Amino acid sequence: MPGKVVIIEPPVPTLAVKLYLPLLSGMALTLKKFVSNVFTPRVRPTIEYPEQRRDYSDRYRGRHILKTREDGSLKCVACYMCATACPAD
């Protein structure tokens, strides 16, 4: 029936939502992770950059380098531009 208007009521929030309990449980989880990271530094997943270096695979393409083909000509694998315009010089 095209002339019929349907009114949709918004859902009534529960008491837990009114008291922000889902937000507080998320903040409690964040605080728990923070405290565990502060008091157990040997398990920390971070790398102390100047002293420790991360091992990257040979397939890592974050740094531009020029590769050579079997015949000795240059092949740019990072940006596929010619060797004169490549950022690796």
C-alpha atoms as a PDB file:
ATOM      1  CA  MET A   1       0.000   0.000   0.000  1.00  0.00           C
ATOM      2  CA  PRO A   2       1.807   3.113  -1.193  1.00  0.00           C
ATOM      3  CA  GLY A   3      -0.042   5.586   1.059  1.00  0.00           C
ATOM      4  CA  LYS A   4       0.812   3.852   4.324  1.00  0.00           C
ATOM      5  CA  VAL A   5       3.480   5.533   6.528  1.00  0.00           C
ATOM      6  CA  VAL A   6       5.549   3.337   8.806  1.00  0.00           C
ATOM      7  CA  ILE A   7       7.079   4.968  11.863  1.00  0.00           C
ATOM      8  CA  ILE A   8      10.240   3.283  13.139  1.00  0.00           C
ATOM      9  CA  GLU A   9      11.022   3.821  16.794  1.00  0.00           C
ATOM     10  CA  PRO A  10      14.694   3.870  17.889  1.00  0.00           C
ATOM     11  CA  PRO A  11      15.677   1.078  20.283  1.00  0.00           C
ATOM     12  CA  VAL A  12      15.467   1.865  23.984  1.00  0.00           C
ATOM     13  CA  PRO A  13      18.962   1.798  25.518  1.00  0.00           C
ATOM     14  CA  THR A  14      19.523  -0.692  28.299  1.00  0.00           C
ATOM     15  CA  LEU A  15      20.811   0.218  31.740  1.00  0.00           C
ATOM     16  CA  ALA A  16      24.317  -1.029  30.867  1.00  0.00           C
ATOM     17  CA  VAL A  17      24.445   1.203  27.806  1.00  0.00           C
ATOM     18  CA  LYS A  18      23.139   4.150  29.823  1.00  0.00           C
ATOM     19  CA  LEU A  19      25.923   3.652  32.379  1.00  0.00           C
ATOM     20  CA  TYR A  20      28.616   3.355  29.659  1.00  0.00           C
ATOM     21  CA  LEU A  21      29.604  -0.152  30.807  1.00  0.00           C
ATOM     22  CA  PRO A  22      30.790  -1.294  27.346  1.00  0.00           C
ATOM     23  CA  LEU A  23      33.063   1.756  27.201  1.00  0.00           C
ATOM     24  CA  LEU A  24      34.409   1.091  30.677  1.00  0.00           C
ATOM     25  CA  SER A  25      35.145  -2.546  29.857  1.00  0.00           C
ATOM     26  CA  GLY A  26      37.143  -1.440  26.806  1.00  0.00           C
ATOM     27  CA  MET A  27      39.082   1.060  28.898  1.00  0.00           C
ATOM     28  CA  ALA A  28      39.779  -1.665  31.483  1.00  0.00           C
ATOM     29  CA  LEU A  29      41.217  -3.900  28.764  1.00  0.00           C
ATOM     30  CA  THR A  30      43.432  -1.043  27.539  1.00  0.00           C
ATOM     31  CA  LEU A  31      44.647  -0.368  31.079  1.00  0.00           C
ATOM     32  CA  LYS A  32      45.382  -4.085  31.576  1.00  0.00           C
ATOM     33  CA  LYS A  33      47.498  -4.215  28.405  1.00  0.00           C
ATOM     34  CA  PHE A  34      49.307  -1.003  29.374  1.00  0.00           C
ATOM     35  CA  VAL A  35      50.209  -2.285  32.842  1.00  0.00           C
ATOM     36  CA  SER A  36      51.356  -5.656  31.491  1.00  0.00           C
ATOM     37  CA  ASN A  37      53.598  -3.941  28.911  1.00  0.00           C
ATOM     38  CA  VAL A  38      55.126  -1.587  31.470  1.00  0.00           C
ATOM     39  CA  PHE A  39      55.951  -4.227  34.073  1.00  0.00           C
ATOM     40  CA  THR A  40      57.148  -7.002  31.720  1.00  0.00           C
ATOM     41  CA  PRO A  41      59.588  -5.270  29.337  1.00  0.00           C
ATOM     42  CA  ARG A  42      61.305  -8.485  28.202  1.00  0.00           C
ATOM     43  CA  VAL A  43      58.100  -9.708  26.544  1.00  0.00           C
ATOM     44  CA  ARG A  44      57.509  -6.369  24.817  1.00  0.00           C
ATOM     45  CA  PRO A  45      57.107  -6.754  21.031  1.00  0.00           C
ATOM     46  CA  THR A  46      58.883  -3.488  20.208  1.00  0.00           C
ATOM     47  CA  ILE A  47      62.385  -3.245  18.783  1.00  0.00           C
ATOM     48  CA  GLU A  48      64.914  -0.852  20.283  1.00  0.00           C
ATOM     49  CA  TYR A  49      65.873   0.661  16.929  1.00  0.00           C
ATOM     50  CA  PRO A  50      69.473   1.868  17.164  1.00  0.00           C
ATOM     51  CA  GLU A  51      70.623  -1.209  19.077  1.00  0.00           C
ATOM     52  CA  GLN A  52      68.468  -3.835  17.373  1.00  0.00           C
ATOM     53  CA  ARG A  53      67.753  -4.202  13.684  1.00  0.00           C
ATOM     54  CA  ARG A  54      64.812  -6.043  12.177  1.00  0.00           C
ATOM     55  CA  ASP A  55      65.548  -8.842   9.728  1.00  0.00           C
ATOM     56  CA  TYR A  56      63.713  -8.240   6.460  1.00  0.00           C
ATOM     57  CA  SER A  57      63.150 -10.823   3.768  1.00  0.00           C
ATOM     58  CA  ASP A  58      64.723 -10.531   0.336  1.00  0.00           C
ATOM     59  CA  ARG A  59      61.287  -9.834  -1.134  1.00  0.00           C
ATOM     60  CA  TYR A  60      60.847  -6.625   0.900  1.00  0.00           C
ATOM     61  CA  ARG A  61      60.184  -3.728  -1.482  1.00  0.00           C
ATOM     62  CA  GLY A  62      60.356  -0.821   0.916  1.00  0.00           C
ATOM     63  CA  ARG A  63      63.711   0.389  -0.353  1.00  0.00           C
ATOM     64  CA  HIS A  64      64.366   1.152  -4.018  1.00  0.00           C
ATOM     65  CA  ILE A  65      67.225  -0.802  -5.538  1.00  0.00           C
ATOM     66  CA  LEU A  66      68.180  -1.531  -9.112  1.00  0.00           C
ATOM     67  CA  LYS A  67      68.356  -5.190 -10.105  1.00  0.00           C
ATOM     68  CA  THR A  68      70.174  -6.539 -13.145  1.00  0.00           C
ATOM     69  CA  ARG A  69      68.953  -9.012 -15.711  1.00  0.00           C
ATOM     70  CA  GLU A  70      70.941 -12.014 -16.919  1.00  0.00           C
ATOM     71  CA  ASP A  71      72.451  -9.975 -19.763  1.00  0.00           C
ATOM     72  CA  GLY A  72      73.691  -7.263 -17.355  1.00  0.00           C
ATOM     73  CA  SER A  73      71.134  -4.558 -18.229  1.00  0.00           C
ATOM     74  CA  LEU A  74      69.380  -2.754 -15.403  1.00  0.00           C
ATOM     75  CA  LYS A  75      65.873  -3.716 -14.343  1.00  0.00           C
ATOM     76  CA  CYS A  76      63.993  -1.505 -11.901  1.00  0.00           C
ATOM     77  CA  VAL A  77      61.686  -3.627  -9.743  1.00  0.00           C
ATOM     78  CA  ALA A  78      60.495  -0.929  -7.364  1.00  0.00           C
ATOM     79  CA  CYS A  79      58.682   1.645  -9.470  1.00  0.00           C
ATOM     80  CA  TYR A  80      59.003   0.283 -13.044  1.00  0.00           C
ATOM     81  CA  MET A  81      60.403   3.554 -14.347  1.00  0.00           C
ATOM     82  CA  CYS A  82      63.523   3.757 -16.457  1.00  0.00           C
ATOM     83  CA  ALA A  83      66.893   3.584 -14.750  1.00  0.00           C
ATOM     84  CA  THR A  84      67.574   7.308 -15.199  1.00  0.00           C
ATOM     85  CA  ALA A  85      64.397   8.361 -13.399  1.00  0.00           C
ATOM     86  CA  CYS A  86      64.585   5.750 -10.639  1.00  0.00           C
ATOM     87  CA  PRO A  87      64.936   7.193  -7.110  1.00  0.00           C
ATOM     88  CA  ALA A  88      67.814   4.782  -6.424  1.00  0.00           C
ATOM     89  CA  ASP A  89      69.954   6.681  -8.963  1.00  0.00           C
END
